[in-house]
Amino acid sequence: MNQMAKKIAIAADHAGYEEKERIKKTLDELGVEYNDFGTVSSDSVDYPDYARKVGEAVAKGEFDQGLLVCGSGTGMAIAANKVRGVRAAVAWNEETARLARQHNDANVLSIGARTTPEGEIPKIINAWFTTDFEAGRHQKRVDKIAEIEKEEVS
């Protein structure tokens, strides 16, 4: 339970911009390497654009994991989950972050800047990046998620 991800893609929309900047300091303290995909200010932007950038970078294997921040965490997670190979999870405390990694092999963390107490966010990040997928009984479920992605929706 100590394998830190090697390279992280991070992004936020305008609602998550300030929190993303604080999160980058936490990542620096944890020694996690990251690339910031934006946004670069609190000016209004469309969150799907940033979620897609991070999702695609993770799905292509350019980054080990992704980290997204928006107002609630939900919009970014929904958009990122549209990218095949992404398993984005919204975490609002340490337990939800840990379980998303252990049981779901989630590869993108989404955090709500407006809905998560500021003091919880560093704890969430630490739990996420220090928790590995347990596999075992959970592997067949993650495999089933991958099968859903492969099927054509009509």
C-alpha atoms as a PDB file:
ATOM      1  CA  MET A   1       0.000   0.000   0.000  1.00  0.00           C
ATOM      2  CA  ASN A   2       2.860   2.387  -0.629  1.00  0.00           C
ATOM      3  CA  GLN A   3       3.283   2.417  -4.380  1.00  0.00           C
ATOM      4  CA  MET A   4       2.919   6.026  -5.436  1.00  0.00           C
ATOM      5  CA  ALA A   5       1.789   6.633  -8.992  1.00  0.00           C
ATOM      6  CA  LYS A   6       4.697   7.685 -11.136  1.00  0.00           C
ATOM      7  CA  LYS A   7       3.151  10.414 -13.240  1.00  0.00           C
ATOM      8  CA  ILE A   8      -0.147  12.250 -12.762  1.00  0.00           C
ATOM      9  CA  ALA A   9      -2.249  14.340 -15.139  1.00  0.00           C
ATOM     10  CA  ILE A  10      -4.088  17.076 -13.237  1.00  0.00           C
ATOM     11  CA  ALA A  11      -6.698  19.617 -14.315  1.00  0.00           C
ATOM     12  CA  ALA A  12      -9.484  21.788 -12.977  1.00  0.00           C
ATOM     13  CA  ASP A  13     -12.206  24.049 -14.210  1.00  0.00           C
ATOM     14  CA  HIS A  14     -12.696  27.587 -12.902  1.00  0.00           C
ATOM     15  CA  ALA A  15     -14.479  26.364  -9.751  1.00  0.00           C
ATOM     16  CA  GLY A  16     -11.571  24.066  -8.915  1.00  0.00           C
ATOM     17  CA  TYR A  17      -8.678  26.248 -10.012  1.00  0.00           C
ATOM     18  CA  GLU A  18      -7.637  27.577  -6.587  1.00  0.00           C
ATOM     19  CA  GLU A  19      -7.952  24.130  -4.995  1.00  0.00           C
ATOM     20  CA  LYS A  20      -5.913  22.597  -7.820  1.00  0.00           C
ATOM     21  CA  GLU A  21      -3.114  25.013  -7.036  1.00  0.00           C
ATOM     22  CA  ARG A  22      -3.196  23.938  -3.365  1.00  0.00           C
ATOM     23  CA  ILE A  23      -3.316  20.276  -4.393  1.00  0.00           C
ATOM     24  CA  LYS A  24      -0.157  20.739  -6.451  1.00  0.00           C
ATOM     25  CA  LYS A  25       1.645  21.712  -3.244  1.00  0.00           C
ATOM     26  CA  THR A  26       0.379  18.512  -1.575  1.00  0.00           C
ATOM     27  CA  LEU A  27       1.580  16.467  -4.551  1.00  0.00           C
ATOM     28  CA  ASP A  28       4.982  18.151  -4.292  1.00  0.00           C
ATOM     29  CA  GLU A  29       5.161  17.179  -0.603  1.00  0.00           C
ATOM     30  CA  LEU A  30       4.270  13.573  -1.489  1.00  0.00           C
ATOM     31  CA  GLY A  31       6.865  13.513  -4.251  1.00  0.00           C
ATOM     32  CA  VAL A  32       4.258  12.834  -6.946  1.00  0.00           C
ATOM     33  CA  GLU A  33       5.246  14.010 -10.433  1.00  0.00           C
ATOM     34  CA  TYR A  34       2.428  15.745 -12.323  1.00  0.00           C
ATOM     35  CA  ASN A  35       1.594  17.694 -15.434  1.00  0.00           C
ATOM     36  CA  ASP A  36      -0.979  20.481 -15.147  1.00  0.00           C
ATOM     37  CA  PHE A  37      -3.453  20.455 -18.057  1.00  0.00           C
ATOM     38  CA  GLY A  38      -5.175  23.677 -16.910  1.00  0.00           C
ATOM     39  CA  THR A  39      -7.107  25.782 -16.368  1.00  0.00           C
ATOM     40  CA  VAL A  40      -4.795  28.640 -15.513  1.00  0.00           C
ATOM     41  CA  SER A  41      -7.222  31.008 -13.782  1.00  0.00           C
ATOM     42  CA  SER A  42     -10.654  31.336 -12.190  1.00  0.00           C
ATOM     43  CA  ASP A  43     -12.131  32.588 -15.474  1.00  0.00           C
ATOM     44  CA  SER A  44     -15.112  30.507 -16.579  1.00  0.00           C
ATOM     45  CA  VAL A  45     -14.287  27.454 -18.720  1.00  0.00           C
ATOM     46  CA  ASP A  46     -16.076  24.279 -19.792  1.00  0.00           C
ATOM     47  CA  TYR A  47     -15.088  21.400 -17.473  1.00  0.00           C
ATOM     48  CA  PRO A  48     -15.569  18.620 -20.079  1.00  0.00           C
ATOM     49  CA  ASP A  49     -12.642  20.008 -22.078  1.00  0.00           C
ATOM     50  CA  TYR A  50     -10.258  19.552 -19.153  1.00  0.00           C
ATOM     51  CA  ALA A  51     -11.678  16.221 -18.016  1.00  0.00           C
ATOM     52  CA  ARG A  52     -11.246  14.894 -21.537  1.00  0.00           C
ATOM     53  CA  LYS A  53      -7.615  16.024 -21.739  1.00  0.00           C
ATOM     54  CA  VAL A  54      -6.760  14.219 -18.516  1.00  0.00           C
ATOM     55  CA  GLY A  55      -8.870  11.171 -19.361  1.00  0.00           C
ATOM     56  CA  GLU A  56      -7.259  10.740 -22.763  1.00  0.00           C
ATOM     57  CA  ALA A  57      -3.749  11.188 -21.347  1.00  0.00           C
ATOM     58  CA  VAL A  58      -4.421   8.461 -18.764  1.00  0.00           C
ATOM     59  CA  ALA A  59      -6.158   6.137 -21.253  1.00  0.00           C
ATOM     60  CA  LYS A  60      -3.241   6.452 -23.691  1.00  0.00           C
ATOM     61  CA  GLY A  61      -0.835   5.468 -20.917  1.00  0.00           C
ATOM     62  CA  GLU A  62       0.995   8.790 -20.980  1.00  0.00           C
ATOM     63  CA  PHE A  63       0.153   9.194 -17.284  1.00  0.00           C
ATOM     64  CA  ASP A  64      -0.430   6.609 -14.571  1.00  0.00           C
ATOM     65  CA  GLN A  65      -3.403   8.383 -13.039  1.00  0.00           C
ATOM     66  CA  GLY A  66      -5.432  11.555 -13.274  1.00  0.00           C
ATOM     67  CA  LEU A  67      -6.706  14.087 -10.770  1.00  0.00           C
ATOM     68  CA  LEU A  68      -9.584  16.450 -11.537  1.00  0.00           C
ATOM     69  CA  VAL A  69     -11.114  19.292  -9.542  1.00  0.00           C
ATOM     70  CA  CYS A  70     -14.394  21.088 -10.212  1.00  0.00           C
ATOM     71  CA  GLY A  71     -17.183  22.463  -8.060  1.00  0.00           C
ATOM     72  CA  SER A  72     -18.704  19.134  -7.006  1.00  0.00           C
ATOM     73  CA  GLY A  73     -16.325  16.639  -8.628  1.00  0.00           C
ATOM     74  CA  THR A  74     -19.280  15.069 -10.408  1.00  0.00           C
ATOM     75  CA  GLY A  75     -19.176  16.879 -13.753  1.00  0.00           C
ATOM     76  CA  MET A  76     -15.493  16.164 -14.253  1.00  0.00           C
ATOM     77  CA  ALA A  77     -15.957  12.499 -13.301  1.00  0.00           C
ATOM     78  CA  ILE A  78     -18.863  12.090 -15.721  1.00  0.00           C
ATOM     79  CA  ALA A  79     -16.906  13.655 -18.581  1.00  0.00           C
ATOM     80  CA  ALA A  80     -13.728  11.690 -17.845  1.00  0.00           C
ATOM     81  CA  ASN A  81     -15.677   8.435 -17.672  1.00  0.00           C
ATOM     82  CA  LYS A  82     -16.745   8.922 -21.289  1.00  0.00           C
ATOM     83  CA  VAL A  83     -13.142   8.190 -22.291  1.00  0.00           C
ATOM     84  CA  ARG A  84     -12.648   4.463 -22.847  1.00  0.00           C
ATOM     85  CA  GLY A  85     -10.271   3.050 -20.226  1.00  0.00           C
ATOM     86  CA  VAL A  86     -10.972   5.683 -17.602  1.00  0.00           C
ATOM     87  CA  ARG A  87     -12.463   4.745 -14.260  1.00  0.00           C
ATOM     88  CA  ALA A  88     -12.998   8.111 -12.583  1.00  0.00           C
ATOM     89  CA  ALA A  89     -14.329   8.283  -9.042  1.00  0.00           C
ATOM     90  CA  VAL A  90     -15.495  11.179  -6.919  1.00  0.00           C
ATOM     91  CA  ALA A  91     -13.996  10.998  -3.443  1.00  0.00           C
ATOM     92  CA  TRP A  92     -15.152  13.192  -0.571  1.00  0.00           C
ATOM     93  CA  ASN A  93     -13.189  11.561   2.253  1.00  0.00           C
ATOM     94  CA  GLU A  94     -10.295   9.174   2.825  1.00  0.00           C
ATOM     95  CA  GLU A  95     -12.487   6.074   2.824  1.00  0.00           C
ATOM     96  CA  THR A  96     -14.111   6.773  -0.545  1.00  0.00           C
ATOM     97  CA  ALA A  97     -10.689   7.479  -2.059  1.00  0.00           C
ATOM     98  CA  ARG A  98      -9.180   4.308  -0.633  1.00  0.00           C
ATOM     99  CA  LEU A  99     -12.125   2.106  -1.685  1.00  0.00           C
ATOM    100  CA  ALA A 100     -12.140   3.525  -5.216  1.00  0.00           C
ATOM    101  CA  ARG A 101      -8.534   2.417  -5.583  1.00  0.00           C
ATOM    102  CA  GLN A 102      -8.779  -0.899  -3.688  1.00  0.00           C
ATOM    103  CA  HIS A 103     -12.040  -2.205  -5.132  1.00  0.00           C
ATOM    104  CA  ASN A 104     -12.534  -0.384  -8.441  1.00  0.00           C
ATOM    105  CA  ASP A 105      -8.972   0.230  -9.636  1.00  0.00           C
ATOM    106  CA  ALA A 106     -10.094   3.798 -10.310  1.00  0.00           C
ATOM    107  CA  ASN A 107      -7.433   5.625 -12.284  1.00  0.00           C
ATOM    108  CA  VAL A 108      -8.816   9.158 -12.099  1.00  0.00           C
ATOM    109  CA  LEU A 109      -9.691  10.943  -8.867  1.00  0.00           C
ATOM    110  CA  SER A 110     -12.257  13.732  -8.991  1.00  0.00           C
ATOM    111  CA  ILE A 111     -12.667  16.161  -6.105  1.00  0.00           C
ATOM    112  CA  GLY A 112     -15.315  18.791  -5.441  1.00  0.00           C
ATOM    113  CA  ALA A 113     -13.706  22.070  -4.446  1.00  0.00           C
ATOM    114  CA  ARG A 114     -17.042  23.489  -3.263  1.00  0.00           C
ATOM    115  CA  THR A 115     -18.295  20.339  -1.549  1.00  0.00           C
ATOM    116  CA  THR A 116     -15.228  18.914   0.190  1.00  0.00           C
ATOM    117  CA  PRO A 117     -13.908  20.525   3.376  1.00  0.00           C
ATOM    118  CA  GLU A 118     -10.470  21.988   2.611  1.00  0.00           C
ATOM    119  CA  GLY A 119      -8.816  20.054   5.427  1.00  0.00           C
ATOM    120  CA  GLU A 120     -10.044  16.747   3.964  1.00  0.00           C
ATOM    121  CA  ILE A 121      -8.501  17.219   0.539  1.00  0.00           C
ATOM    122  CA  PRO A 122      -4.863  16.513   1.495  1.00  0.00           C
ATOM    123  CA  LYS A 123      -6.061  13.394   3.366  1.00  0.00           C
ATOM    124  CA  ILE A 124      -8.004  12.257   0.288  1.00  0.00           C
ATOM    125  CA  ILE A 125      -4.982  12.785  -1.955  1.00  0.00           C
ATOM    126  CA  ASN A 126      -2.718  10.892   0.422  1.00  0.00           C
ATOM    127  CA  ALA A 127      -5.178   7.977   0.703  1.00  0.00           C
ATOM    128  CA  TRP A 128      -5.589   7.838  -3.077  1.00  0.00           C
ATOM    129  CA  PHE A 129      -1.911   7.864  -3.958  1.00  0.00           C
ATOM    130  CA  THR A 130      -0.849   5.410  -1.253  1.00  0.00           C
ATOM    131  CA  THR A 131      -3.516   2.795  -1.964  1.00  0.00           C
ATOM    132  CA  ASP A 132      -3.169   0.049  -4.557  1.00  0.00           C
ATOM    133  CA  PHE A 133      -5.809  -2.045  -6.317  1.00  0.00           C
ATOM    134  CA  GLU A 134      -6.431  -5.245  -4.342  1.00  0.00           C
ATOM    135  CA  ALA A 135      -7.358  -7.311  -7.439  1.00  0.00           C
ATOM    136  CA  GLY A 136      -8.538 -10.735  -6.209  1.00  0.00           C
ATOM    137  CA  ARG A 137     -12.329 -10.841  -6.117  1.00  0.00           C
ATOM    138  CA  HIS A 138     -12.450  -7.265  -7.420  1.00  0.00           C
ATOM    139  CA  GLN A 139     -10.612  -8.074 -10.655  1.00  0.00           C
ATOM    140  CA  LYS A 140     -13.553  -9.842 -12.291  1.00  0.00           C
ATOM    141  CA  ARG A 141     -15.735  -6.803 -11.593  1.00  0.00           C
ATOM    142  CA  VAL A 142     -13.227  -4.408 -13.125  1.00  0.00           C
ATOM    143  CA  ASP A 143     -12.981  -6.791 -16.087  1.00  0.00           C
ATOM    144  CA  LYS A 144     -16.764  -6.587 -16.463  1.00  0.00           C
ATOM    145  CA  ILE A 145     -16.519  -2.794 -16.572  1.00  0.00           C
ATOM    146  CA  ALA A 146     -13.985  -3.140 -19.394  1.00  0.00           C
ATOM    147  CA  GLU A 147     -16.391  -5.468 -21.223  1.00  0.00           C
ATOM    148  CA  ILE A 148     -19.161  -2.857 -20.993  1.00  0.00           C
ATOM    149  CA  GLU A 149     -16.811  -0.368 -22.650  1.00  0.00           C
ATOM    150  CA  LYS A 150     -16.143  -2.758 -25.511  1.00  0.00           C
ATOM    151  CA  GLU A 151     -19.818  -3.374 -26.274  1.00  0.00           C
ATOM    152  CA  GLU A 152     -21.491  -1.155 -28.794  1.00  0.00           C
ATOM    153  CA  VAL A 153     -24.431   0.797 -27.448  1.00  0.00           C
ATOM    154  CA  SER A 154     -27.353   1.050 -29.830  1.00  0.00           C
END
